[in-house]
C-alpha atoms as a PDB file:
ATOM      1  CA  MET A   1      53.343 -33.924  23.772  1.00  0.00           C
ATOM      2  CA  SER A   2      56.358 -31.985  24.998  1.00  0.00           C
ATOM      3  CA  SER A   3      56.152 -29.435  27.788  1.00  0.00           C
ATOM      4  CA  LEU A   4      56.730 -26.669  25.255  1.00  0.00           C
ATOM      5  CA  GLU A   5      53.822 -27.854  23.136  1.00  0.00           C
ATOM      6  CA  GLN A   6      51.599 -28.024  26.236  1.00  0.00           C
ATOM      7  CA  PHE A   7      52.604 -24.470  27.165  1.00  0.00           C
ATOM      8  CA  LEU A   8      51.852 -23.156  23.677  1.00  0.00           C
ATOM      9  CA  GLN A   9      48.493 -24.904  23.640  1.00  0.00           C
ATOM     10  CA  ARG A  10      47.520 -23.405  26.979  1.00  0.00           C
ATOM     11  CA  ALA A  11      48.757 -19.969  25.898  1.00  0.00           C
ATOM     12  CA  GLU A  12      46.671 -20.185  22.733  1.00  0.00           C
ATOM     13  CA  GLY A  13      43.596 -21.059  24.810  1.00  0.00           C
ATOM     14  CA  VAL A  14      44.201 -18.071  27.090  1.00  0.00           C
ATOM     15  CA  LEU A  15      44.570 -15.719  24.104  1.00  0.00           C
ATOM     16  CA  THR A  16      41.357 -17.050  22.582  1.00  0.00           C
ATOM     17  CA  ARG A  17      39.446 -16.339  25.782  1.00  0.00           C
ATOM     18  CA  LEU A  18      40.985 -12.845  26.011  1.00  0.00           C
ATOM     19  CA  GLU A  19      39.953 -12.088  22.442  1.00  0.00           C
ATOM     20  CA  GLN A  20      36.378 -13.019  23.313  1.00  0.00           C
ATOM     21  CA  LEU A  21      36.437 -10.529  26.174  1.00  0.00           C
ATOM     22  CA  MET A  22      37.880  -7.689  24.114  1.00  0.00           C
ATOM     23  CA  PRO A  23      35.387  -5.180  22.623  1.00  0.00           C
ATOM     24  CA  ALA A  24      34.737  -5.791  18.942  1.00  0.00           C
ATOM     25  CA  PRO A  25      35.885  -2.994  16.610  1.00  0.00           C
ATOM     26  CA  PHE A  26      33.115  -0.616  15.539  1.00  0.00           C
ATOM     27  CA  VAL A  27      31.954  -1.386  12.018  1.00  0.00           C
ATOM     28  CA  ALA A  28      30.437   1.318   9.841  1.00  0.00           C
ATOM     29  CA  PRO A  29      26.855   0.573   8.718  1.00  0.00           C
ATOM     30  CA  ASP A  30      25.509   0.718   5.197  1.00  0.00           C
ATOM     31  CA  TRP A  31      25.124   4.486   5.043  1.00  0.00           C
ATOM     32  CA  THR A  32      22.752   4.191   2.056  1.00  0.00           C
ATOM     33  CA  ALA A  33      20.278   2.027   3.992  1.00  0.00           C
ATOM     34  CA  SER A  34      18.625   4.935   5.804  1.00  0.00           C
ATOM     35  CA  THR A  35      18.915   8.554   6.844  1.00  0.00           C
ATOM     36  CA  ALA A  36      18.304   7.673  10.508  1.00  0.00           C
ATOM     37  CA  PHE A  37      20.228   5.281  12.742  1.00  0.00           C
ATOM     38  CA  ARG A  38      20.120   3.999  16.319  1.00  0.00           C
ATOM     39  CA  TRP A  39      23.185   3.266  18.411  1.00  0.00           C
ATOM     40  CA  ARG A  40      22.645  -0.278  19.634  1.00  0.00           C
ATOM     41  CA  LYS A  41      24.665  -1.848  22.414  1.00  0.00           C
ATOM     42  CA  ARG A  42      24.024  -5.516  23.174  1.00  0.00           C
ATOM     43  CA  SER A  43      26.943  -5.636  25.590  1.00  0.00           C
ATOM     44  CA  TYR A  44      30.108  -3.681  26.305  1.00  0.00           C
ATOM     45  CA  GLN A  45      31.735  -5.900  23.664  1.00  0.00           C
ATOM     46  CA  HIS A  46      29.298  -5.261  20.844  1.00  0.00           C
ATOM     47  CA  ALA A  47      27.929  -1.883  19.730  1.00  0.00           C
ATOM     48  CA  TYR A  48      26.838  -0.776  16.285  1.00  0.00           C
ATOM     49  CA  LEU A  49      24.723   1.655  14.280  1.00  0.00           C
ATOM     50  CA  GLN A  50      21.406   0.170  13.205  1.00  0.00           C
ATOM     51  CA  PRO A  51      19.595   1.743  10.219  1.00  0.00           C
ATOM     52  CA  VAL A  52      16.006   2.769  10.982  1.00  0.00           C
ATOM     53  CA  LYS A  53      13.831   1.344   8.221  1.00  0.00           C
ATOM     54  CA  ILE A  54      10.489   2.902   9.221  1.00  0.00           C
ATOM     55  CA  GLN A  55      10.808   6.580  10.073  1.00  0.00           C
ATOM     56  CA  ALA A  56       8.363   9.145  11.429  1.00  0.00           C
ATOM     57  CA  SER A  57       6.447  10.827   8.603  1.00  0.00           C
ATOM     58  CA  LEU A  58       5.967  14.188  10.321  1.00  0.00           C
ATOM     59  CA  SER A  59       6.778  17.319   8.353  1.00  0.00           C
ATOM     60  CA  LEU A  60       7.522  20.771   9.721  1.00  0.00           C
ATOM     61  CA  ALA A  61       4.115  21.897   8.440  1.00  0.00           C
ATOM     62  CA  ASP A  62       2.419  19.334  10.695  1.00  0.00           C
ATOM     63  CA  LEU A  63       3.755  21.035  13.836  1.00  0.00           C
ATOM     64  CA  LYS A  64       1.317  23.761  14.832  1.00  0.00           C
ATOM     65  CA  HIS A  65       1.610  26.636  17.336  1.00  0.00           C
ATOM     66  CA  VAL A  66       5.354  26.211  17.866  1.00  0.00           C
ATOM     67  CA  ASP A  67       6.318  28.698  15.165  1.00  0.00           C
ATOM     68  CA  ARG A  68       9.060  30.441  17.137  1.00  0.00           C
ATOM     69  CA  GLN A  69      10.619  27.147  18.223  1.00  0.00           C
ATOM     70  CA  LYS A  70      10.337  25.782  14.707  1.00  0.00           C
ATOM     71  CA  GLN A  71      12.079  28.823  13.242  1.00  0.00           C
ATOM     72  CA  LEU A  72      14.998  28.549  15.670  1.00  0.00           C
ATOM     73  CA  ILE A  73      15.594  24.839  15.109  1.00  0.00           C
ATOM     74  CA  GLU A  74      15.098  25.026  11.353  1.00  0.00           C
ATOM     75  CA  GLN A  75      17.534  27.938  11.010  1.00  0.00           C
ATOM     76  CA  ASN A  76      20.192  26.263  13.145  1.00  0.00           C
ATOM     77  CA  THR A  77      19.859  23.028  11.169  1.00  0.00           C
ATOM     78  CA  ARG A  78      19.960  24.883   7.863  1.00  0.00           C
ATOM     79  CA  GLN A  79      23.233  26.546   8.907  1.00  0.00           C
ATOM     80  CA  PHE A  80      24.609  23.147   9.904  1.00  0.00           C
ATOM     81  CA  VAL A  81      23.860  21.341   6.628  1.00  0.00           C
ATOM     82  CA  SER A  82      25.180  24.349   4.706  1.00  0.00           C
ATOM     83  CA  GLY A  83      28.555  24.036   6.414  1.00  0.00           C
ATOM     84  CA  LYS A  84      28.092  27.219   8.430  1.00  0.00           C
ATOM     85  CA  PRO A  85      28.612  27.570  12.209  1.00  0.00           C
ATOM     86  CA  ALA A  86      25.731  26.107  14.231  1.00  0.00           C
ATOM     87  CA  ASN A  87      25.028  25.191  17.845  1.00  0.00           C
ATOM     88  CA  ASN A  88      24.217  22.137  19.885  1.00  0.00           C
ATOM     89  CA  VAL A  89      20.551  22.433  20.912  1.00  0.00           C
ATOM     90  CA  LEU A  90      18.646  21.722  24.109  1.00  0.00           C
ATOM     91  CA  LEU A  91      14.844  21.603  23.761  1.00  0.00           C
ATOM     92  CA  THR A  92      13.013  21.743  27.096  1.00  0.00           C
ATOM     93  CA  GLY A  93       9.521  22.238  28.407  1.00  0.00           C
ATOM     94  CA  ALA A  94       6.071  20.725  28.688  1.00  0.00           C
ATOM     95  CA  ARG A  95       5.609  17.114  27.685  1.00  0.00           C
ATOM     96  CA  GLY A  96       4.021  16.277  24.351  1.00  0.00           C
ATOM     97  CA  THR A  97       4.493  19.738  22.833  1.00  0.00           C
ATOM     98  CA  GLY A  98       6.611  18.674  19.863  1.00  0.00           C
ATOM     99  CA  LYS A  99      10.227  18.678  21.031  1.00  0.00           C
ATOM    100  CA  SER A 100      11.166  15.285  19.592  1.00  0.00           C
ATOM    101  CA  SER A 101       8.810  15.644  16.632  1.00  0.00           C
ATOM    102  CA  LEU A 102      10.517  18.860  15.584  1.00  0.00           C
ATOM    103  CA  ILE A 103      13.907  17.147  15.378  1.00  0.00           C
ATOM    104  CA  LYS A 104      12.476  14.255  13.370  1.00  0.00           C
ATOM    105  CA  ALA A 105      10.716  16.684  11.039  1.00  0.00           C
ATOM    106  CA  CYS A 106      14.020  18.486  10.455  1.00  0.00           C
ATOM    107  CA  LEU A 107      15.524  15.208   9.280  1.00  0.00           C
ATOM    108  CA  ARG A 108      12.780  14.854   6.702  1.00  0.00           C
ATOM    109  CA  GLU A 109      13.277  18.478   5.628  1.00  0.00           C
ATOM    110  CA  PHE A 110      17.064  18.323   5.227  1.00  0.00           C
ATOM    111  CA  ALA A 111      17.838  14.664   4.474  1.00  0.00           C
ATOM    112  CA  GLU A 112      18.372  15.376   0.784  1.00  0.00           C
ATOM    113  CA  GLN A 113      20.954  17.996   1.769  1.00  0.00           C
ATOM    114  CA  GLY A 114      22.966  15.404   3.661  1.00  0.00           C
ATOM    115  CA  LEU A 115      21.475  15.500   7.154  1.00  0.00           C
ATOM    116  CA  ARG A 116      21.533  12.235   9.111  1.00  0.00           C
ATOM    117  CA  LEU A 117      20.136  11.433  12.565  1.00  0.00           C
ATOM    118  CA  ILE A 118      21.645   9.071  15.126  1.00  0.00           C
ATOM    119  CA  GLU A 119      19.536   8.306  18.199  1.00  0.00           C
ATOM    120  CA  VAL A 120      21.579   7.610  21.337  1.00  0.00           C
ATOM    121  CA  ASP A 121      20.131   6.410  24.648  1.00  0.00           C
ATOM    122  CA  LYS A 122      21.103   8.116  27.885  1.00  0.00           C
ATOM    123  CA  SER A 123      22.769   4.921  29.086  1.00  0.00           C
ATOM    124  CA  ASP A 124      25.117   5.055  26.091  1.00  0.00           C
ATOM    125  CA  MET A 125      26.384   8.609  26.590  1.00  0.00           C
ATOM    126  CA  GLY A 126      29.827   7.208  27.312  1.00  0.00           C
ATOM    127  CA  ASP A 127      29.995   5.996  23.702  1.00  0.00           C
ATOM    128  CA  LEU A 128      29.608   9.471  22.190  1.00  0.00           C
ATOM    129  CA  PRO A 129      33.354   9.822  21.412  1.00  0.00           C
ATOM    130  CA  ASP A 130      33.278   6.471  19.580  1.00  0.00           C
ATOM    131  CA  ILE A 131      30.231   7.505  17.581  1.00  0.00           C
ATOM    132  CA  VAL A 132      31.874  10.797  16.629  1.00  0.00           C
ATOM    133  CA  ASP A 133      35.022   8.972  15.519  1.00  0.00           C
ATOM    134  CA  LEU A 134      32.887   6.629  13.403  1.00  0.00           C
ATOM    135  CA  VAL A 135      31.252   9.471  11.442  1.00  0.00           C
ATOM    136  CA  ALA A 136      33.987  12.117  11.519  1.00  0.00           C
ATOM    137  CA  GLU A 137      35.273  11.343   8.021  1.00  0.00           C
ATOM    138  CA  ARG A 138      31.855  11.081   6.410  1.00  0.00           C
ATOM    139  CA  PRO A 139      30.612  13.847   4.070  1.00  0.00           C
ATOM    140  CA  GLU A 140      27.136  13.919   5.672  1.00  0.00           C
ATOM    141  CA  LYS A 141      26.093  16.075   8.628  1.00  0.00           C
ATOM    142  CA  PHE A 142      25.092  14.105  11.722  1.00  0.00           C
ATOM    143  CA  VAL A 143      22.757  15.124  14.543  1.00  0.00           C
ATOM    144  CA  LEU A 144      23.201  12.929  17.613  1.00  0.00           C
ATOM    145  CA  PHE A 145      19.680  12.821  19.043  1.00  0.00           C
ATOM    146  CA  CYS A 146      19.255  12.261  22.809  1.00  0.00           C
ATOM    147  CA  ASP A 147      15.547  12.074  23.625  1.00  0.00           C
ATOM    148  CA  ASP A 148      13.875  12.667  26.986  1.00  0.00           C
ATOM    149  CA  LEU A 149      17.191  13.326  28.647  1.00  0.00           C
ATOM    150  CA  SER A 150      17.523  13.787  32.390  1.00  0.00           C
ATOM    151  CA  PHE A 151      19.994  12.674  35.001  1.00  0.00           C
ATOM    152  CA  GLU A 152      20.010  11.883  38.666  1.00  0.00           C
ATOM    153  CA  ASN A 153      22.788  13.201  40.853  1.00  0.00           C
ATOM    154  CA  GLY A 154      25.993  11.248  40.431  1.00  0.00           C
ATOM    155  CA  GLU A 155      25.190   9.496  37.140  1.00  0.00           C
ATOM    156  CA  ALA A 156      28.315   8.774  35.098  1.00  0.00           C
ATOM    157  CA  SER A 157      26.592   9.451  31.764  1.00  0.00           C
ATOM    158  CA  TYR A 158      26.018  13.041  32.883  1.00  0.00           C
ATOM    159  CA  LYS A 159      29.739  13.770  32.908  1.00  0.00           C
ATOM    160  CA  ALA A 160      30.219  11.867  29.632  1.00  0.00           C
ATOM    161  CA  LEU A 161      27.797  14.238  27.924  1.00  0.00           C
ATOM    162  CA  LYS A 162      29.553  17.275  29.415  1.00  0.00           C
ATOM    163  CA  VAL A 163      32.842  16.102  27.942  1.00  0.00           C
ATOM    164  CA  ALA A 164      31.267  15.363  24.557  1.00  0.00           C
ATOM    165  CA  LEU A 165      29.711  18.819  24.374  1.00  0.00           C
ATOM    166  CA  ASP A 166      32.726  20.854  25.391  1.00  0.00           C
ATOM    167  CA  GLY A 167      35.477  19.569  27.575  1.00  0.00           C
ATOM    168  CA  SER A 168      37.516  16.958  25.758  1.00  0.00           C
ATOM    169  CA  ILE A 169      41.107  17.418  24.708  1.00  0.00           C
ATOM    170  CA  ALA A 170      39.918  16.492  21.214  1.00  0.00           C
ATOM    171  CA  GLY A 171      38.230  19.158  19.138  1.00  0.00           C
ATOM    172  CA  THR A 172      34.599  18.788  18.121  1.00  0.00           C
ATOM    173  CA  SER A 173      33.922  17.332  14.683  1.00  0.00           C
ATOM    174  CA  PRO A 174      32.461  19.935  12.290  1.00  0.00           C
ATOM    175  CA  ASN A 175      29.946  17.421  10.924  1.00  0.00           C
ATOM    176  CA  VAL A 176      28.389  16.507  14.304  1.00  0.00           C
ATOM    177  CA  LEU A 177      25.913  18.318  16.572  1.00  0.00           C
ATOM    178  CA  ILE A 178      23.985  17.134  19.608  1.00  0.00           C
ATOM    179  CA  TYR A 179      20.240  17.812  19.842  1.00  0.00           C
ATOM    180  CA  ALA A 180      18.702  16.807  23.186  1.00  0.00           C
ATOM    181  CA  THR A 181      15.171  17.025  24.567  1.00  0.00           C
ATOM    182  CA  SER A 182      14.241  17.137  28.238  1.00  0.00           C
ATOM    183  CA  ASN A 183      11.437  18.106  30.590  1.00  0.00           C
ATOM    184  CA  ARG A 184      14.097  19.621  32.884  1.00  0.00           C
ATOM    185  CA  ARG A 185      15.694  22.946  32.004  1.00  0.00           C
ATOM    186  CA  HIS A 186      19.050  21.996  33.501  1.00  0.00           C
ATOM    187  CA  LEU A 187      18.719  18.192  33.006  1.00  0.00           C
ATOM    188  CA  LEU A 188      19.264  17.504  36.707  1.00  0.00           C
ATOM    189  CA  PRO A 189      16.761  17.414  39.598  1.00  0.00           C
ATOM    190  CA  GLU A 190      16.391  20.720  41.421  1.00  0.00           C
ATOM    191  CA  ASN A 191      16.007  20.565  45.201  1.00  0.00           C
ATOM    192  CA  VAL A 192      15.091  23.214  47.751  1.00  0.00           C
ATOM    193  CA  SER A 193      18.342  22.432  49.565  1.00  0.00           C
ATOM    194  CA  ASP A 194      20.273  23.691  46.528  1.00  0.00           C
ATOM    195  CA  ASN A 195      19.377  27.233  47.575  1.00  0.00           C
ATOM    196  CA  ASP A 196      21.403  26.850  50.778  1.00  0.00           C
ATOM    197  CA  GLY A 197      24.575  27.408  48.798  1.00  0.00           C
ATOM    198  CA  TYR A 198      23.665  30.919  47.655  1.00  0.00           C
ATOM    199  CA  THR A 199      25.789  33.688  49.177  1.00  0.00           C
ATOM    200  CA  HIS A 200      25.592  37.476  49.237  1.00  0.00           C
ATOM    201  CA  GLY A 201      28.652  39.299  47.964  1.00  0.00           C
ATOM    202  CA  ASP A 202      30.012  42.583  49.275  1.00  0.00           C
ATOM    203  CA  ASP A 203      28.332  44.301  46.357  1.00  0.00           C
ATOM    204  CA  GLY A 204      24.949  42.952  47.437  1.00  0.00           C
ATOM    205  CA  ASP A 205      24.656  40.535  44.518  1.00  0.00           C
ATOM    206  CA  LEU A 206      23.407  36.999  45.022  1.00  0.00           C
ATOM    207  CA  HIS A 207      25.909  34.312  43.982  1.00  0.00           C
ATOM    208  CA  PRO A 208      24.963  30.668  43.355  1.00  0.00           C
ATOM    209  CA  GLY A 209      26.755  27.936  45.275  1.00  0.00           C
ATOM    210  CA  GLU A 210      28.720  25.027  43.868  1.00  0.00           C
ATOM    211  CA  THR A 211      25.669  22.764  43.615  1.00  0.00           C
ATOM    212  CA  ILE A 212      23.769  25.211  41.439  1.00  0.00           C
ATOM    213  CA  GLU A 213      26.854  25.932  39.339  1.00  0.00           C
ATOM    214  CA  GLU A 214      27.334  22.212  38.696  1.00  0.00           C
ATOM    215  CA  LYS A 215      23.737  21.767  37.594  1.00  0.00           C
ATOM    216  CA  ILE A 216      23.874  24.728  35.251  1.00  0.00           C
ATOM    217  CA  SER A 217      27.255  23.740  33.814  1.00  0.00           C
ATOM    218  CA  LEU A 218      25.793  20.990  31.607  1.00  0.00           C
ATOM    219  CA  SER A 219      22.843  22.848  30.109  1.00  0.00           C
ATOM    220  CA  GLU A 220      24.930  25.957  29.386  1.00  0.00           C
ATOM    221  CA  ARG A 221      27.166  23.897  27.099  1.00  0.00           C
ATOM    222  CA  PHE A 222      24.290  23.796  24.632  1.00  0.00           C
ATOM    223  CA  GLY A 223      24.593  26.916  22.528  1.00  0.00           C
ATOM    224  CA  LEU A 224      20.883  27.125  21.754  1.00  0.00           C
ATOM    225  CA  TRP A 225      18.084  26.705  24.296  1.00  0.00           C
ATOM    226  CA  VAL A 226      14.545  26.321  22.959  1.00  0.00           C
ATOM    227  CA  SER A 227      11.613  26.264  25.408  1.00  0.00           C
ATOM    228  CA  PHE A 228       8.175  24.716  24.807  1.00  0.00           C
ATOM    229  CA  TYR A 229       4.965  25.530  26.662  1.00  0.00           C
ATOM    230  CA  SER A 230       1.531  24.003  27.164  1.00  0.00           C
ATOM    231  CA  PHE A 231      -1.041  24.933  24.530  1.00  0.00           C
ATOM    232  CA  ARG A 232      -4.059  27.135  25.046  1.00  0.00           C
ATOM    233  CA  GLN A 233      -7.464  25.521  24.519  1.00  0.00           C
ATOM    234  CA  ASP A 234      -7.982  27.063  21.074  1.00  0.00           C
ATOM    235  CA  ASP A 235      -4.504  25.987  19.972  1.00  0.00           C
ATOM    236  CA  TYR A 236      -5.175  22.451  21.150  1.00  0.00           C
ATOM    237  CA  LEU A 237      -8.465  22.290  19.240  1.00  0.00           C
ATOM    238  CA  ASP A 238      -6.764  23.673  16.138  1.00  0.00           C
ATOM    239  CA  ILE A 239      -4.191  20.852  16.306  1.00  0.00           C
ATOM    240  CA  VAL A 240      -6.984  18.302  16.728  1.00  0.00           C
ATOM    241  CA  ALA A 241      -8.679  19.723  13.622  1.00  0.00           C
ATOM    242  CA  HIS A 242      -5.429  19.506  11.648  1.00  0.00           C
ATOM    243  CA  TRP A 243      -4.997  15.815  12.395  1.00  0.00           C
ATOM    244  CA  LEU A 244      -8.676  15.028  11.765  1.00  0.00           C
ATOM    245  CA  ARG A 245      -8.399  16.638   8.338  1.00  0.00           C
ATOM    246  CA  SER A 246      -5.345  14.452   7.668  1.00  0.00           C
ATOM    247  CA  PHE A 247      -7.597  11.454   8.402  1.00  0.00           C
ATOM    248  CA  GLN A 248     -10.139  12.762   5.844  1.00  0.00           C
ATOM    249  CA  CYS A 249     -12.751  13.931   8.358  1.00  0.00           C
ATOM    250  CA  ASN A 250     -15.074  16.643   7.049  1.00  0.00           C
ATOM    251  CA  GLU A 251     -15.670  19.999   8.710  1.00  0.00           C
ATOM    252  CA  ALA A 252     -18.970  18.927  10.281  1.00  0.00           C
ATOM    253  CA  GLN A 253     -17.265  15.933  11.911  1.00  0.00           C
ATOM    254  CA  ILE A 254     -14.426  18.138  13.124  1.00  0.00           C
ATOM    255  CA  GLU A 255     -16.853  20.647  14.670  1.00  0.00           C
ATOM    256  CA  ALA A 256     -18.722  17.824  16.399  1.00  0.00           C
ATOM    257  CA  SER A 257     -15.473  16.531  17.924  1.00  0.00           C
ATOM    258  CA  ARG A 258     -14.718  19.617  20.019  1.00  0.00           C
ATOM    259  CA  THR A 259     -16.463  18.580  23.240  1.00  0.00           C
ATOM    260  CA  GLU A 260     -14.995  15.087  23.139  1.00  0.00           C
ATOM    261  CA  ALA A 261     -11.543  16.514  22.388  1.00  0.00           C
ATOM    262  CA  LEU A 262     -11.682  18.741  25.476  1.00  0.00           C
ATOM    263  CA  GLN A 263     -12.886  15.872  27.644  1.00  0.00           C
ATOM    264  CA  TRP A 264     -10.060  13.703  26.309  1.00  0.00           C
ATOM    265  CA  ALA A 265      -7.497  16.355  27.267  1.00  0.00           C
ATOM    266  CA  LEU A 266      -9.053  16.818  30.705  1.00  0.00           C
ATOM    267  CA  GLN A 267      -8.786  13.089  31.419  1.00  0.00           C
ATOM    268  CA  ARG A 268      -5.097  13.167  30.570  1.00  0.00           C
ATOM    269  CA  GLY A 269      -4.350  16.382  32.398  1.00  0.00           C
ATOM    270  CA  SER A 270      -2.672  17.950  29.382  1.00  0.00           C
ATOM    271  CA  ARG A 271      -3.508  19.949  26.262  1.00  0.00           C
ATOM    272  CA  SER A 272      -0.584  18.987  24.076  1.00  0.00           C
ATOM    273  CA  GLY A 273       0.138  18.067  20.490  1.00  0.00           C
ATOM    274  CA  ARG A 274       0.611  14.447  21.509  1.00  0.00           C
ATOM    275  CA  VAL A 275      -2.772  14.314  23.233  1.00  0.00           C
ATOM    276  CA  ALA A 276      -4.398  15.970  20.200  1.00  0.00           C
ATOM    277  CA  TRP A 277      -2.853  13.355  17.899  1.00  0.00           C
ATOM    278  CA  GLN A 278      -4.008  10.502  20.142  1.00  0.00           C
ATOM    279  CA  PHE A 279      -7.560  11.862  20.297  1.00  0.00           C
ATOM    280  CA  ALA A 280      -7.695  12.362  16.523  1.00  0.00           C
ATOM    281  CA  ARG A 281      -6.663   8.748  15.922  1.00  0.00           C
ATOM    282  CA  ASP A 282      -9.313   7.494  18.313  1.00  0.00           C
ATOM    283  CA  TYR A 283     -12.075   9.746  17.032  1.00  0.00           C
ATOM    284  CA  ALA A 284     -11.366   9.212  13.327  1.00  0.00           C
ATOM    285  CA  GLY A 285     -11.131   5.470  13.864  1.00  0.00           C
ATOM    286  CA  ARG A 286     -14.589   5.423  15.462  1.00  0.00           C
ATOM    287  CA  ILE A 287     -16.533   7.620  13.041  1.00  0.00           C
ATOM    288  CA  LEU A 288     -15.020   6.831   9.651  1.00  0.00           C
END
């Protein structure tokens, strides 16, 4: 083997190894396989959209005592699928009160009108531009769903989301919105020391410091803020009754469940829709 042939063989081996290290091109999924997808990333070399075969069966009618929140999200989503201006949405507040369920219920409500949902983990926020590029030419409307979102100070994915919302040199795609849920109003931890940066102006007004401004700068890029609150006792019991009826419990069984339902909530330290659903499953499974 000549020296030239040896060189070419070695060069070919090097190129093969480089190709293995290069990220694989994003491949579009079978868009007819589902109305909901998850962004999966096995490594920095391999990411793809995975169709969700089994979806949540919640409807908007199943979500009780969040009428104002439901109206806001439903209207914004209706504008979006109709091709009208609509906002990115941040849903914040008490845990288990229906933030994520409301988004999933909207998918069920508007799927036939072309709505699609893509769930993206916080760790994959840096891939948002790639996801947008993948769906930008599609006729459907896509909600990028970021669930239970919160950041610690200094996380890189925090800045990636800021850019995706409003800050890139590229314009936003008209067929993509971001819906995020969080227990934190501004998505970042709030410390007492943050107040040290406040200053008093000559006019007597109080001005936030740079730390506060930075923390607010992400949440304010969502055009629509929707807040959720803990349920009152009667509201909680009404939600329990709704789910027990869905499990075919009769009214006498529902009335008899009230004391146990309250004890169940007390043990968990929360009167929420999630706790009501969990109790109803347990109770119906025991008595039916």
